[in-house]
Amino acid sequence: MSAHGRAGEESAFVRTYTLTRGRTTPRHLLGLETVLEHGPGRPGPGQAEECERILALCRERRRSVTELAGRLCRPVTAVKILVSDLLDADALVVPVTAPYAATDTDADARPSPQLLAALSAGLKRKWPDAMAHPQAG
């Protein structure tokens, strides 16, 4: 590898480290497909300029974590950390989309089949070696 290429990699690493203030993990559990929209809050002072870009993109329409990372040309982990900061400030929110919202206004409303399927898929992905309980429906 040329010295120029290595210097560019080190520069990108330092920029990412500075962008996240040295943090390596987000405070919120965010998937690549987590959808975000602009919220009522405001980011705190001293936020990275990328936070303003994230908010501008989410004002246009809902965006996934992956799309935000791609549009910002930043590593997904760094974007998740910035998104976590914006979620803490209520500047971004994770909307409850129609397939996951209960359609019944009754206090005893059951989760939707779509929500249960999404939960099941997530659990299977997290623990692929887990055995199904024979009485589970």
C-alpha atoms as a PDB file:
ATOM      1  CA  MET A   1       0.000   0.000   0.000  1.00  0.00           C
ATOM      2  CA  SER A   2       1.311   3.455  -0.814  1.00  0.00           C
ATOM      3  CA  ALA A   3       2.060   5.982   1.881  1.00  0.00           C
ATOM      4  CA  HIS A   4      -0.654   8.201   0.408  1.00  0.00           C
ATOM      5  CA  GLY A   5      -3.322   5.483   0.790  1.00  0.00           C
ATOM      6  CA  ARG A   6      -2.304   4.747   4.370  1.00  0.00           C
ATOM      7  CA  ALA A   7      -2.367   8.445   5.285  1.00  0.00           C
ATOM      8  CA  GLY A   8      -5.888   8.689   3.852  1.00  0.00           C
ATOM      9  CA  GLU A   9      -7.051   5.723   5.950  1.00  0.00           C
ATOM     10  CA  GLU A  10      -5.528   7.216   9.107  1.00  0.00           C
ATOM     11  CA  SER A  11      -7.144  10.570   8.335  1.00  0.00           C
ATOM     12  CA  ALA A  12     -10.574   8.915   7.877  1.00  0.00           C
ATOM     13  CA  PHE A  13     -10.127   6.999  11.143  1.00  0.00           C
ATOM     14  CA  VAL A  14      -9.165  10.147  13.062  1.00  0.00           C
ATOM     15  CA  ARG A  15     -12.122  12.038  11.531  1.00  0.00           C
ATOM     16  CA  THR A  16     -14.533   9.262  12.547  1.00  0.00           C
ATOM     17  CA  TYR A  17     -13.022   9.103  16.054  1.00  0.00           C
ATOM     18  CA  THR A  18     -13.449  12.876  16.386  1.00  0.00           C
ATOM     19  CA  LEU A  19     -16.969  12.761  14.927  1.00  0.00           C
ATOM     20  CA  THR A  20     -18.113  10.311  17.631  1.00  0.00           C
ATOM     21  CA  ARG A  21     -15.970  11.878  20.371  1.00  0.00           C
ATOM     22  CA  GLY A  22     -14.171   8.567  20.780  1.00  0.00           C
ATOM     23  CA  ARG A  23     -17.324   6.546  21.374  1.00  0.00           C
ATOM     24  CA  THR A  24     -17.477   3.173  19.655  1.00  0.00           C
ATOM     25  CA  THR A  25     -21.015   2.005  20.473  1.00  0.00           C
ATOM     26  CA  PRO A  26     -24.388   3.746  20.235  1.00  0.00           C
ATOM     27  CA  ARG A  27     -26.616   4.053  23.308  1.00  0.00           C
ATOM     28  CA  HIS A  28     -29.671   2.837  21.392  1.00  0.00           C
ATOM     29  CA  LEU A  29     -30.104  -0.532  19.732  1.00  0.00           C
ATOM     30  CA  LEU A  30     -30.425   0.372  16.058  1.00  0.00           C
ATOM     31  CA  GLY A  31     -30.589  -2.009  13.142  1.00  0.00           C
ATOM     32  CA  LEU A  32     -29.431  -1.212   9.640  1.00  0.00           C
ATOM     33  CA  GLU A  33     -33.079  -1.079   8.601  1.00  0.00           C
ATOM     34  CA  THR A  34     -34.237   1.123  11.517  1.00  0.00           C
ATOM     35  CA  VAL A  35     -36.306   3.955  10.045  1.00  0.00           C
ATOM     36  CA  LEU A  36     -36.039   7.437  11.497  1.00  0.00           C
ATOM     37  CA  GLU A  37     -38.001  10.642  11.102  1.00  0.00           C
ATOM     38  CA  HIS A  38     -37.556  14.207  12.273  1.00  0.00           C
ATOM     39  CA  GLY A  39     -38.752  14.755  15.843  1.00  0.00           C
ATOM     40  CA  PRO A  40     -39.890  17.757  17.887  1.00  0.00           C
ATOM     41  CA  GLY A  41     -36.612  18.245  19.796  1.00  0.00           C
ATOM     42  CA  ARG A  42     -33.387  20.026  18.924  1.00  0.00           C
ATOM     43  CA  PRO A  43     -29.838  18.686  19.031  1.00  0.00           C
ATOM     44  CA  GLY A  44     -27.639  20.011  21.802  1.00  0.00           C
ATOM     45  CA  PRO A  45     -24.855  22.508  21.237  1.00  0.00           C
ATOM     46  CA  GLY A  46     -21.595  21.220  19.849  1.00  0.00           C
ATOM     47  CA  GLN A  47     -23.130  18.472  17.716  1.00  0.00           C
ATOM     48  CA  ALA A  48     -21.225  17.403  14.635  1.00  0.00           C
ATOM     49  CA  GLU A  49     -22.225  19.002  11.336  1.00  0.00           C
ATOM     50  CA  GLU A  50     -23.276  15.494  10.237  1.00  0.00           C
ATOM     51  CA  CYS A  51     -26.109  15.738  12.779  1.00  0.00           C
ATOM     52  CA  GLU A  52     -27.524  18.706  10.893  1.00  0.00           C
ATOM     53  CA  ARG A  53     -27.237  16.759   7.644  1.00  0.00           C
ATOM     54  CA  ILE A  54     -29.028  13.770   9.222  1.00  0.00           C
ATOM     55  CA  LEU A  55     -31.849  16.032  10.407  1.00  0.00           C
ATOM     56  CA  ALA A  56     -32.128  17.710   7.003  1.00  0.00           C
ATOM     57  CA  LEU A  57     -32.395  14.317   5.290  1.00  0.00           C
ATOM     58  CA  CYS A  58     -35.021  13.107   7.772  1.00  0.00           C
ATOM     59  CA  ARG A  59     -37.037  16.318   7.341  1.00  0.00           C
ATOM     60  CA  GLU A  60     -37.404  15.439   3.644  1.00  0.00           C
ATOM     61  CA  ARG A  61     -38.738  11.947   4.406  1.00  0.00           C
ATOM     62  CA  ARG A  62     -38.181   8.945   6.641  1.00  0.00           C
ATOM     63  CA  ARG A  63     -34.715   7.422   6.233  1.00  0.00           C
ATOM     64  CA  SER A  64     -33.084   4.172   7.338  1.00  0.00           C
ATOM     65  CA  VAL A  65     -29.782   4.047   9.220  1.00  0.00           C
ATOM     66  CA  THR A  66     -28.176   2.430   6.161  1.00  0.00           C
ATOM     67  CA  GLU A  67     -29.402   5.165   3.830  1.00  0.00           C
ATOM     68  CA  LEU A  68     -28.132   7.877   6.175  1.00  0.00           C
ATOM     69  CA  ALA A  69     -24.691   6.250   6.376  1.00  0.00           C
ATOM     70  CA  GLY A  70     -24.550   5.988   2.595  1.00  0.00           C
ATOM     71  CA  ARG A  71     -25.616   9.570   1.994  1.00  0.00           C
ATOM     72  CA  LEU A  72     -23.123  10.870   4.568  1.00  0.00           C
ATOM     73  CA  CYS A  73     -20.329   8.557   3.342  1.00  0.00           C
ATOM     74  CA  ARG A  74     -19.645   7.618   6.959  1.00  0.00           C
ATOM     75  CA  PRO A  75     -19.328   4.225   8.686  1.00  0.00           C
ATOM     76  CA  VAL A  76     -22.637   2.824   9.894  1.00  0.00           C
ATOM     77  CA  THR A  77     -21.405   2.589  13.494  1.00  0.00           C
ATOM     78  CA  ALA A  78     -20.508   6.287  13.519  1.00  0.00           C
ATOM     79  CA  VAL A  79     -23.921   7.191  12.103  1.00  0.00           C
ATOM     80  CA  LYS A  80     -25.633   5.015  14.738  1.00  0.00           C
ATOM     81  CA  ILE A  81     -23.781   6.938  17.464  1.00  0.00           C
ATOM     82  CA  LEU A  82     -24.873  10.291  16.005  1.00  0.00           C
ATOM     83  CA  VAL A  83     -28.445   9.027  15.558  1.00  0.00           C
ATOM     84  CA  SER A  84     -28.417   7.897  19.220  1.00  0.00           C
ATOM     85  CA  ASP A  85     -27.475  11.438  20.251  1.00  0.00           C
ATOM     86  CA  LEU A  86     -30.316  12.831  18.154  1.00  0.00           C
ATOM     87  CA  LEU A  87     -32.772  10.294  19.598  1.00  0.00           C
ATOM     88  CA  ASP A  88     -31.733  11.350  23.116  1.00  0.00           C
ATOM     89  CA  ALA A  89     -32.504  14.966  22.166  1.00  0.00           C
ATOM     90  CA  ASP A  90     -35.860  13.958  20.579  1.00  0.00           C
ATOM     91  CA  ALA A  91     -34.585  15.551  17.365  1.00  0.00           C
ATOM     92  CA  LEU A  92     -35.182  12.163  15.709  1.00  0.00           C
ATOM     93  CA  VAL A  93     -37.809   9.552  16.485  1.00  0.00           C
ATOM     94  CA  VAL A  94     -38.404   5.972  15.434  1.00  0.00           C
ATOM     95  CA  PRO A  95     -41.965   6.032  14.101  1.00  0.00           C
ATOM     96  CA  VAL A  96     -44.396   3.208  14.783  1.00  0.00           C
ATOM     97  CA  THR A  97     -45.414   2.182  11.303  1.00  0.00           C
ATOM     98  CA  ALA A  98     -48.926   1.000  10.494  1.00  0.00           C
ATOM     99  CA  PRO A  99     -48.147  -2.750  10.239  1.00  0.00           C
ATOM    100  CA  TYR A 100     -46.783  -2.701  13.811  1.00  0.00           C
ATOM    101  CA  ALA A 101     -49.431  -0.517  15.396  1.00  0.00           C
ATOM    102  CA  ALA A 102     -52.401  -2.078  17.109  1.00  0.00           C
ATOM    103  CA  THR A 103     -55.572  -1.448  15.137  1.00  0.00           C
ATOM    104  CA  ASP A 104     -57.886  -1.998  18.092  1.00  0.00           C
ATOM    105  CA  THR A 105     -58.243   0.880  20.568  1.00  0.00           C
ATOM    106  CA  ASP A 106     -59.230  -1.575  23.322  1.00  0.00           C
ATOM    107  CA  ALA A 107     -56.846  -1.611  26.311  1.00  0.00           C
ATOM    108  CA  ASP A 108     -56.488  -5.386  25.888  1.00  0.00           C
ATOM    109  CA  ALA A 109     -55.518  -5.106  22.212  1.00  0.00           C
ATOM    110  CA  ARG A 110     -53.268  -7.926  21.100  1.00  0.00           C
ATOM    111  CA  PRO A 111     -50.068  -7.376  19.130  1.00  0.00           C
ATOM    112  CA  SER A 112     -50.537  -7.495  15.384  1.00  0.00           C
ATOM    113  CA  PRO A 113     -49.467 -10.643  13.497  1.00  0.00           C
ATOM    114  CA  GLN A 114     -46.880  -8.504  11.667  1.00  0.00           C
ATOM    115  CA  LEU A 115     -45.331  -7.378  14.953  1.00  0.00           C
ATOM    116  CA  LEU A 116     -45.180 -10.967  16.221  1.00  0.00           C
ATOM    117  CA  ALA A 117     -43.600 -12.149  12.964  1.00  0.00           C
ATOM    118  CA  ALA A 118     -40.988  -9.364  13.130  1.00  0.00           C
ATOM    119  CA  LEU A 119     -40.240 -10.201  16.762  1.00  0.00           C
ATOM    120  CA  SER A 120     -39.917 -13.901  15.954  1.00  0.00           C
ATOM    121  CA  ALA A 121     -37.560 -13.191  13.038  1.00  0.00           C
ATOM    122  CA  GLY A 122     -35.406 -10.942  15.219  1.00  0.00           C
ATOM    123  CA  LEU A 123     -35.172 -13.532  17.984  1.00  0.00           C
ATOM    124  CA  LYS A 124     -34.271 -16.272  15.503  1.00  0.00           C
ATOM    125  CA  ARG A 125     -31.552 -14.051  14.065  1.00  0.00           C
ATOM    126  CA  LYS A 126     -30.169 -13.270  17.533  1.00  0.00           C
ATOM    127  CA  TRP A 127     -30.272 -16.863  18.787  1.00  0.00           C
ATOM    128  CA  PRO A 128     -30.220 -19.144  15.719  1.00  0.00           C
ATOM    129  CA  ASP A 129     -29.371 -22.219  17.809  1.00  0.00           C
ATOM    130  CA  ALA A 130     -32.274 -21.811  20.230  1.00  0.00           C
ATOM    131  CA  MET A 131     -34.787 -24.637  20.217  1.00  0.00           C
ATOM    132  CA  ALA A 132     -38.480 -23.939  19.796  1.00  0.00           C
ATOM    133  CA  HIS A 133     -40.616 -24.720  22.810  1.00  0.00           C
ATOM    134  CA  PRO A 134     -43.105 -27.465  21.894  1.00  0.00           C
ATOM    135  CA  GLN A 135     -46.054 -25.609  23.471  1.00  0.00           C
ATOM    136  CA  ALA A 136     -45.226 -22.283  21.844  1.00  0.00           C
ATOM    137  CA  GLY A 137     -47.776 -21.266  19.252  1.00  0.00           C
END
